[in-house]
C-alpha cells in the first residue's frame, strides 16, 4: 500500500513538472504551424492581399514562449520570406524602389522588426523581474529559516535552564536532605553499630554523594551557571578543565585580548558550538591536545577550536549520515541563528580547525 502511494506521489510530481514543458512544446508547435501557414498563404496569394502585414501574429505567439532565440529566428525567417514572396510575385521588369507593393513590403519588415524589439525588451524585463522575485523569495525564506533556527535555539536553552532548575530544586535538594539524614543516623549509631550496618551506611552515603555530584555535572552540562554569571571566556575555561578530566586531552583556552560581554543568545551559541566541537574531538579526532581561542574586537568576534588529531575531509559531510555529520550541521545551525559564519578547515592527518566568526555588532 505504501509503495502504491509513493508511486502515485512520484507520478503526480512528474506530471506536475511535465505540464509546463508540455504546454510550452504545444505553444512552440503552434507558432511554427501558424508561421508555415502564413508563409504558404503569402506565396500562393496575389500580392494585393498583403498577407505579410499579419506576420506579427506568430511573433506575438513566440513572445508567449519567452524564448528570445525563437523570436529572432522567426523574425529573420519572416523578413526573408516577405522579400522572397515579393520577388516571386512581382512581374518581370516592374521592380522599382518607389513601386507601391515593394514599399508596403518594406514597411511590413520595419513593423516586424519593431514588434520583435518590443517583444525582446518585454521578455528581458519579465525574466529580470522573475529573477529578482525568486531572489527576494529565497532571501525571505533564508531569513525565516534563520528566525526559526534562532527561536529553536532560544527554546532549547530555555528548556535546558528549566530542567537544570528542576534538578536543583527537586532532585538536588532531596538528595542533600537524604545525605543529612544518613549522617544523623550514622552519628546516632556511633555508640554501638554493627560492622554490617556501618558498612551499609557508609556505602549509602558514598552513593548519595556520587549521585549529588552526577546531578551537579548534568546541571552544569544543561546550563552552566558560570556562563550567566561570568560570561563566555570563564565558561570556556571551566568547560576545558572538565573536558581534560573526562578525556585526558590537553585543552587550553586562549583569550587574544580582554573580551566584552556579548548578548546572551550569542554567548550561548558560541559556548554550545565549542562544546560540540570538543565533543567531536573526543569522539573522532584521536587528538593529544586542543586549543580554544577567543578573539573579540569592536568589528568581529572569532572563536576557533583547533586540535592535532587525525583530521577528515570536510567535503565528504555535505549531508549528515546515520552515524556522523550531525554535529557539524548542528554547529552550522547554531552559528546561523546568531548571524555568524562557521568554517571547517581540515584534511586527513592534519588536524581540524572550527572557526566561528561574527562580524559587526552581535544580535
Foldseek 3Di string as FASTA:
>chain_A
DVVVVVVVVVVVVVVVVCVVVVVLVVLVVVLVVVLVVLLVCLLPDALVVVSLLPLCVSLVSVLVSLDLVVNVVSLVVSLVSLVVSVVVRDDPPPDDPPDDSNVSSVVSNVVSVVSSVVSNVVSVVVVVVVVVVVVVVVVVVLVVLLQVLLVVLVVQLVVLLVVLVCCCVPVLVVLVVVLVVLVVVCVVCVVPHDPVVNVVSVVVNVVSVVVNVVSVVSNCVSPNPCCVPPHQQRNVVVVQVVLCVVQVAAEEEAEPDDDDHAPSLVSVLLNVLLVLVSVCCRVPFPFNYKYWYWYDDQFKTKIKIWTQGQWDDVVVQPDADDPDNVSVVSSQSSLSNFPWHWDWDTDGRGTIMIMIMHGHHTD
